[in-house]
Amino acid sequence: MKTKWTRMEWCDWIMPLVASRYPNHCAVLLAGSHTRGQATAQSDVDVIIFEASRGQAYRE
């Protein structure tokens, strides 16, 4: 996976995935090493998805 992406590249990659799995999302945040500029080829992608209808937070 590419380690240095522009904001638009992230949006183009993440948003279709989020929309297909969480159609009622209201916000998406990228977190972790990619936002700090410390990502490597082995880094995972940390995404926080907000849904107005969700009663409480959970990890997946």
PDB file of N, CA and C in Angstrom:
ATOM      1  N   MET A   1       0.845  -1.181   0.000  1.00  0.00           N
ATOM      2  CA  MET A   1       0.000   0.000   0.000  1.00  0.00           C
ATOM      3  C   MET A   1       0.887   1.239   0.000  1.00  0.00           C
ATOM      4  N   LYS A   2       0.467   2.214  -0.736  1.00  0.00           N
ATOM      5  CA  LYS A   2       1.158   3.496  -0.795  1.00  0.00           C
ATOM      6  C   LYS A   2       1.171   4.134   0.599  1.00  0.00           C
ATOM      7  N   THR A   3       2.266   4.773   0.989  1.00  0.00           N
ATOM      8  CA  THR A   3       2.347   5.339   2.339  1.00  0.00           C
ATOM      9  C   THR A   3       2.121   6.850   2.389  1.00  0.00           C
ATOM     10  N   LYS A   4       2.231   7.544   1.309  1.00  0.00           N
ATOM     11  CA  LYS A   4       1.999   9.001   1.277  1.00  0.00           C
ATOM     12  C   LYS A   4       0.867   9.282   0.290  1.00  0.00           C
ATOM     13  N   TRP A   5      -0.299   9.625   0.820  1.00  0.00           N
ATOM     14  CA  TRP A   5      -1.469   9.902  -0.007  1.00  0.00           C
ATOM     15  C   TRP A   5      -1.931  11.329   0.222  1.00  0.00           C
ATOM     16  N   THR A   6      -2.523  11.922  -0.800  1.00  0.00           N
ATOM     17  CA  THR A   6      -3.137  13.230  -0.637  1.00  0.00           C
ATOM     18  C   THR A   6      -4.516  13.043  -0.001  1.00  0.00           C
ATOM     19  N   ARG A   7      -5.092  14.133   0.473  1.00  0.00           N
ATOM     20  CA  ARG A   7      -6.432  14.080   1.067  1.00  0.00           C
ATOM     21  C   ARG A   7      -7.450  13.526   0.060  1.00  0.00           C
ATOM     22  N   MET A   8      -7.366  13.963  -1.182  1.00  0.00           N
ATOM     23  CA  MET A   8      -8.315  13.494  -2.207  1.00  0.00           C
ATOM     24  C   MET A   8      -8.121  12.008  -2.507  1.00  0.00           C
ATOM     25  N   GLU A   9      -6.890  11.533  -2.500  1.00  0.00           N
ATOM     26  CA  GLU A   9      -6.651  10.099  -2.716  1.00  0.00           C
ATOM     27  C   GLU A   9      -7.287   9.280  -1.603  1.00  0.00           C
ATOM     28  N   TRP A  10      -7.166   9.755  -0.351  1.00  0.00           N
ATOM     29  CA  TRP A  10      -7.811   9.056   0.769  1.00  0.00           C
ATOM     30  C   TRP A  10      -9.316   9.043   0.587  1.00  0.00           C
ATOM     31  N   CYS A  11      -9.885  10.191   0.253  1.00  0.00           N
ATOM     32  CA  CYS A  11     -11.340  10.270   0.065  1.00  0.00           C
ATOM     33  C   CYS A  11     -11.802   9.343  -1.058  1.00  0.00           C
ATOM     34  N   ASP A  12     -11.077   9.335  -2.157  1.00  0.00           N
ATOM     35  CA  ASP A  12     -11.443   8.479  -3.292  1.00  0.00           C
ATOM     36  C   ASP A  12     -11.374   7.001  -2.940  1.00  0.00           C
ATOM     37  N   TRP A  13     -10.478   6.628  -2.038  1.00  0.00           N
ATOM     38  CA  TRP A  13     -10.308   5.224  -1.660  1.00  0.00           C
ATOM     39  C   TRP A  13     -11.250   4.817  -0.533  1.00  0.00           C
ATOM     40  N   ILE A  14     -11.355   5.641   0.499  1.00  0.00           N
ATOM     41  CA  ILE A  14     -12.116   5.273   1.693  1.00  0.00           C
ATOM     42  C   ILE A  14     -13.625   5.430   1.527  1.00  0.00           C
ATOM     43  N   MET A  15     -14.061   6.528   0.937  1.00  0.00           N
ATOM     44  CA  MET A  15     -15.488   6.827   0.932  1.00  0.00           C
ATOM     45  C   MET A  15     -16.359   5.767   0.260  1.00  0.00           C
ATOM     46  N   PRO A  16     -15.983   5.189  -0.872  1.00  0.00           N
ATOM     47  CA  PRO A  16     -16.819   4.120  -1.436  1.00  0.00           C
ATOM     48  C   PRO A  16     -16.908   2.902  -0.508  1.00  0.00           C
ATOM     49  N   LEU A  17     -15.814   2.581   0.184  1.00  0.00           N
ATOM     50  CA  LEU A  17     -15.834   1.453   1.121  1.00  0.00           C
ATOM     51  C   LEU A  17     -16.761   1.733   2.299  1.00  0.00           C
ATOM     52  N   VAL A  18     -16.653   2.934   2.861  1.00  0.00           N
ATOM     53  CA  VAL A  18     -17.491   3.312   3.992  1.00  0.00           C
ATOM     54  C   VAL A  18     -18.960   3.350   3.567  1.00  0.00           C
ATOM     55  N   ALA A  19     -19.244   3.957   2.439  1.00  0.00           N
ATOM     56  CA  ALA A  19     -20.630   4.081   1.970  1.00  0.00           C
ATOM     57  C   ALA A  19     -21.271   2.722   1.725  1.00  0.00           C
ATOM     58  N   SER A  20     -20.504   1.753   1.253  1.00  0.00           N
ATOM     59  CA  SER A  20     -21.071   0.434   0.988  1.00  0.00           C
ATOM     60  C   SER A  20     -21.353  -0.344   2.265  1.00  0.00           C
ATOM     61  N   ARG A  21     -20.556  -0.122   3.280  1.00  0.00           N
ATOM     62  CA  ARG A  21     -20.726  -0.869   4.525  1.00  0.00           C
ATOM     63  C   ARG A  21     -21.528  -0.113   5.589  1.00  0.00           C
ATOM     64  N   TYR A  22     -21.425   1.194   5.581  1.00  0.00           N
ATOM     65  CA  TYR A  22     -22.110   2.043   6.570  1.00  0.00           C
ATOM     66  C   TYR A  22     -22.904   3.132   5.828  1.00  0.00           C
ATOM     67  N   PRO A  23     -23.997   2.774   5.196  1.00  0.00           N
ATOM     68  CA  PRO A  23     -24.722   3.754   4.371  1.00  0.00           C
ATOM     69  C   PRO A  23     -25.299   4.920   5.163  1.00  0.00           C
ATOM     70  N   ASN A  24     -25.446   4.788   6.485  1.00  0.00           N
ATOM     71  CA  ASN A  24     -26.005   5.871   7.305  1.00  0.00           C
ATOM     72  C   ASN A  24     -24.933   6.690   8.017  1.00  0.00           C
ATOM     73  N   HIS A  25     -23.686   6.621   7.557  1.00  0.00           N
ATOM     74  CA  HIS A  25     -22.616   7.378   8.221  1.00  0.00           C
ATOM     75  C   HIS A  25     -22.835   8.870   8.054  1.00  0.00           C
ATOM     76  N   CYS A  26     -22.341   9.639   9.017  1.00  0.00           N
ATOM     77  CA  CYS A  26     -22.444  11.090   8.918  1.00  0.00           C
ATOM     78  C   CYS A  26     -21.069  11.760   8.932  1.00  0.00           C
ATOM     79  N   ALA A  27     -20.025  11.028   9.287  1.00  0.00           N
ATOM     80  CA  ALA A  27     -18.665  11.575   9.262  1.00  0.00           C
ATOM     81  C   ALA A  27     -17.660  10.433   9.286  1.00  0.00           C
ATOM     82  N   VAL A  28     -16.489  10.690   8.726  1.00  0.00           N
ATOM     83  CA  VAL A  28     -15.413   9.702   8.687  1.00  0.00           C
ATOM     84  C   VAL A  28     -14.108  10.420   9.001  1.00  0.00           C
ATOM     85  N   LEU A  29     -13.315   9.838   9.894  1.00  0.00           N
ATOM     86  CA  LEU A  29     -11.999  10.396  10.234  1.00  0.00           C
ATOM     87  C   LEU A  29     -10.926   9.358   9.974  1.00  0.00           C
ATOM     88  N   LEU A  30      -9.838   9.776   9.397  1.00  0.00           N
ATOM     89  CA  LEU A  30      -8.660   8.943   9.249  1.00  0.00           C
ATOM     90  C   LEU A  30      -7.795   9.200  10.469  1.00  0.00           C
ATOM     91  N   ALA A  31      -7.258   8.146  11.078  1.00  0.00           N
ATOM     92  CA  ALA A  31      -6.457   8.295  12.290  1.00  0.00           C
ATOM     93  C   ALA A  31      -5.180   7.466  12.163  1.00  0.00           C
ATOM     94  N   GLY A  32      -4.377   7.482  13.193  1.00  0.00           N
ATOM     95  CA  GLY A  32      -3.203   6.620  13.267  1.00  0.00           C
ATOM     96  C   GLY A  32      -1.994   7.117  12.494  1.00  0.00           C
ATOM     97  N   SER A  33      -1.136   6.175  12.130  1.00  0.00           N
ATOM     98  CA  SER A  33       0.159   6.501  11.532  1.00  0.00           C
ATOM     99  C   SER A  33       0.034   7.256  10.213  1.00  0.00           C
ATOM    100  N   HIS A  34      -1.021   7.012   9.458  1.00  0.00           N
ATOM    101  CA  HIS A  34      -1.178   7.725   8.186  1.00  0.00           C
ATOM    102  C   HIS A  34      -1.412   9.210   8.401  1.00  0.00           C
ATOM    103  N   THR A  35      -2.115   9.587   9.450  1.00  0.00           N
ATOM    104  CA  THR A  35      -2.340  11.011   9.709  1.00  0.00           C
ATOM    105  C   THR A  35      -1.110  11.675  10.303  1.00  0.00           C
ATOM    106  N   ARG A  36      -0.280  10.893  10.984  1.00  0.00           N
ATOM    107  CA  ARG A  36       0.946  11.440  11.579  1.00  0.00           C
ATOM    108  C   ARG A  36       2.108  11.460  10.592  1.00  0.00           C
ATOM    109  N   GLY A  37       1.925  10.885   9.403  1.00  0.00           N
ATOM    110  CA  GLY A  37       3.017  10.823   8.434  1.00  0.00           C
ATOM    111  C   GLY A  37       4.056   9.784   8.787  1.00  0.00           C
ATOM    112  N   GLN A  38       3.689   8.771   9.594  1.00  0.00           N
ATOM    113  CA  GLN A  38       4.623   7.737  10.027  1.00  0.00           C
ATOM    114  C   GLN A  38       4.289   6.366   9.438  1.00  0.00           C
ATOM    115  N   ALA A  39       3.420   6.320   8.452  1.00  0.00           N
ATOM    116  CA  ALA A  39       2.993   5.042   7.889  1.00  0.00           C
ATOM    117  C   ALA A  39       4.116   4.365   7.125  1.00  0.00           C
ATOM    118  N   THR A  40       4.117   3.050   7.208  1.00  0.00           N
ATOM    119  CA  THR A  40       5.035   2.229   6.419  1.00  0.00           C
ATOM    120  C   THR A  40       4.190   1.329   5.526  1.00  0.00           C
ATOM    121  N   ALA A  41       4.828   0.538   4.698  1.00  0.00           N
ATOM    122  CA  ALA A  41       4.100  -0.377   3.815  1.00  0.00           C
ATOM    123  C   ALA A  41       3.297  -1.405   4.615  1.00  0.00           C
ATOM    124  N   GLN A  42       3.679  -1.660   5.855  1.00  0.00           N
ATOM    125  CA  GLN A  42       2.979  -2.639   6.691  1.00  0.00           C
ATOM    126  C   GLN A  42       1.903  -2.010   7.591  1.00  0.00           C
ATOM    127  N   SER A  43       1.746  -0.704   7.557  1.00  0.00           N
ATOM    128  CA  SER A  43       0.784  -0.021   8.433  1.00  0.00           C
ATOM    129  C   SER A  43      -0.653  -0.362   8.060  1.00  0.00           C
ATOM    130  N   ASP A  44      -1.486  -0.476   9.090  1.00  0.00           N
ATOM    131  CA  ASP A  44      -2.916  -0.631   8.839  1.00  0.00           C
ATOM    132  C   ASP A  44      -3.521   0.751   8.635  1.00  0.00           C
ATOM    133  N   VAL A  45      -4.791   0.775   8.314  1.00  0.00           N
ATOM    134  CA  VAL A  45      -5.501   2.041   8.113  1.00  0.00           C
ATOM    135  C   VAL A  45      -6.543   2.154   9.214  1.00  0.00           C
ATOM    136  N   ASP A  46      -6.420   3.180  10.044  1.00  0.00           N
ATOM    137  CA  ASP A  46      -7.351   3.407  11.148  1.00  0.00           C
ATOM    138  C   ASP A  46      -8.394   4.423  10.711  1.00  0.00           C
ATOM    139  N   VAL A  47      -9.653   3.996  10.719  1.00  0.00           N
ATOM    140  CA  VAL A  47     -10.747   4.857  10.289  1.00  0.00           C
ATOM    141  C   VAL A  47     -11.785   4.899  11.404  1.00  0.00           C
ATOM    142  N   ILE A  48     -12.250   6.095  11.730  1.00  0.00           N
ATOM    143  CA  ILE A  48     -13.321   6.278  12.710  1.00  0.00           C
ATOM    144  C   ILE A  48     -14.559   6.717  11.937  1.00  0.00           C
ATOM    145  N   ILE A  49     -15.637   5.963  12.097  1.00  0.00           N
ATOM    146  CA  ILE A  49     -16.870   6.232  11.355  1.00  0.00           C
ATOM    147  C   ILE A  49     -17.948   6.625  12.350  1.00  0.00           C
ATOM    148  N   PHE A  50     -18.600   7.735  12.090  1.00  0.00           N
ATOM    149  CA  PHE A  50     -19.679   8.215  12.946  1.00  0.00           C
ATOM    150  C   PHE A  50     -21.015   7.940  12.269  1.00  0.00           C
ATOM    151  N   GLU A  51     -21.925   7.362  13.029  1.00  0.00           N
ATOM    152  CA  GLU A  51     -23.289   7.141  12.558  1.00  0.00           C
ATOM    153  C   GLU A  51     -24.239   7.743  13.586  1.00  0.00           C
ATOM    154  N   ALA A  52     -25.104   8.615  13.145  1.00  0.00           N
ATOM    155  CA  ALA A  52     -26.038   9.278  14.063  1.00  0.00           C
ATOM    156  C   ALA A  52     -26.972   8.278  14.733  1.00  0.00           C
ATOM    157  N   SER A  53     -27.299   7.195  14.070  1.00  0.00           N
ATOM    158  CA  SER A  53     -28.256   6.229  14.613  1.00  0.00           C
ATOM    159  C   SER A  53     -27.637   5.230  15.588  1.00  0.00           C
ATOM    160  N   ARG A  54     -26.315   5.205  15.699  1.00  0.00           N
ATOM    161  CA  ARG A  54     -25.639   4.236  16.561  1.00  0.00           C
ATOM    162  C   ARG A  54     -25.791   4.663  18.003  1.00  0.00           C
ATOM    163  N   GLY A  55     -26.232   3.767  18.850  1.00  0.00           N
ATOM    164  CA  GLY A  55     -26.479   4.074  20.264  1.00  0.00           C
ATOM    165  C   GLY A  55     -25.226   4.209  21.092  1.00  0.00           C
ATOM    166  N   GLN A  56     -24.181   3.449  20.769  1.00  0.00           N
ATOM    167  CA  GLN A  56     -22.938   3.525  21.529  1.00  0.00           C
ATOM    168  C   GLN A  56     -21.776   3.132  20.629  1.00  0.00           C
ATOM    169  N   ALA A  57     -20.588   3.489  21.063  1.00  0.00           N
ATOM    170  CA  ALA A  57     -19.390   3.201  20.280  1.00  0.00           C
ATOM    171  C   ALA A  57     -19.036   1.717  20.366  1.00  0.00           C
ATOM    172  N   TYR A  58     -18.405   1.233  19.310  1.00  0.00           N
ATOM    173  CA  TYR A  58     -17.871  -0.122  19.304  1.00  0.00           C
ATOM    174  C   TYR A  58     -16.721  -0.208  18.332  1.00  0.00           C
ATOM    175  N   ARG A  59     -15.865  -1.199  18.496  1.00  0.00           N
ATOM    176  CA  ARG A  59     -14.721  -1.410  17.604  1.00  0.00           C
ATOM    177  C   ARG A  59     -14.982  -2.607  16.730  1.00  0.00           C
ATOM    178  N   GLU A  60     -14.511  -2.504  15.505  1.00  0.00           N
ATOM    179  CA  GLU A  60     -14.657  -3.609  14.561  1.00  0.00           C
ATOM    180  C   GLU A  60     -13.333  -3.873  13.897  1.00  0.00           C
TER     181      GLU A  60
END
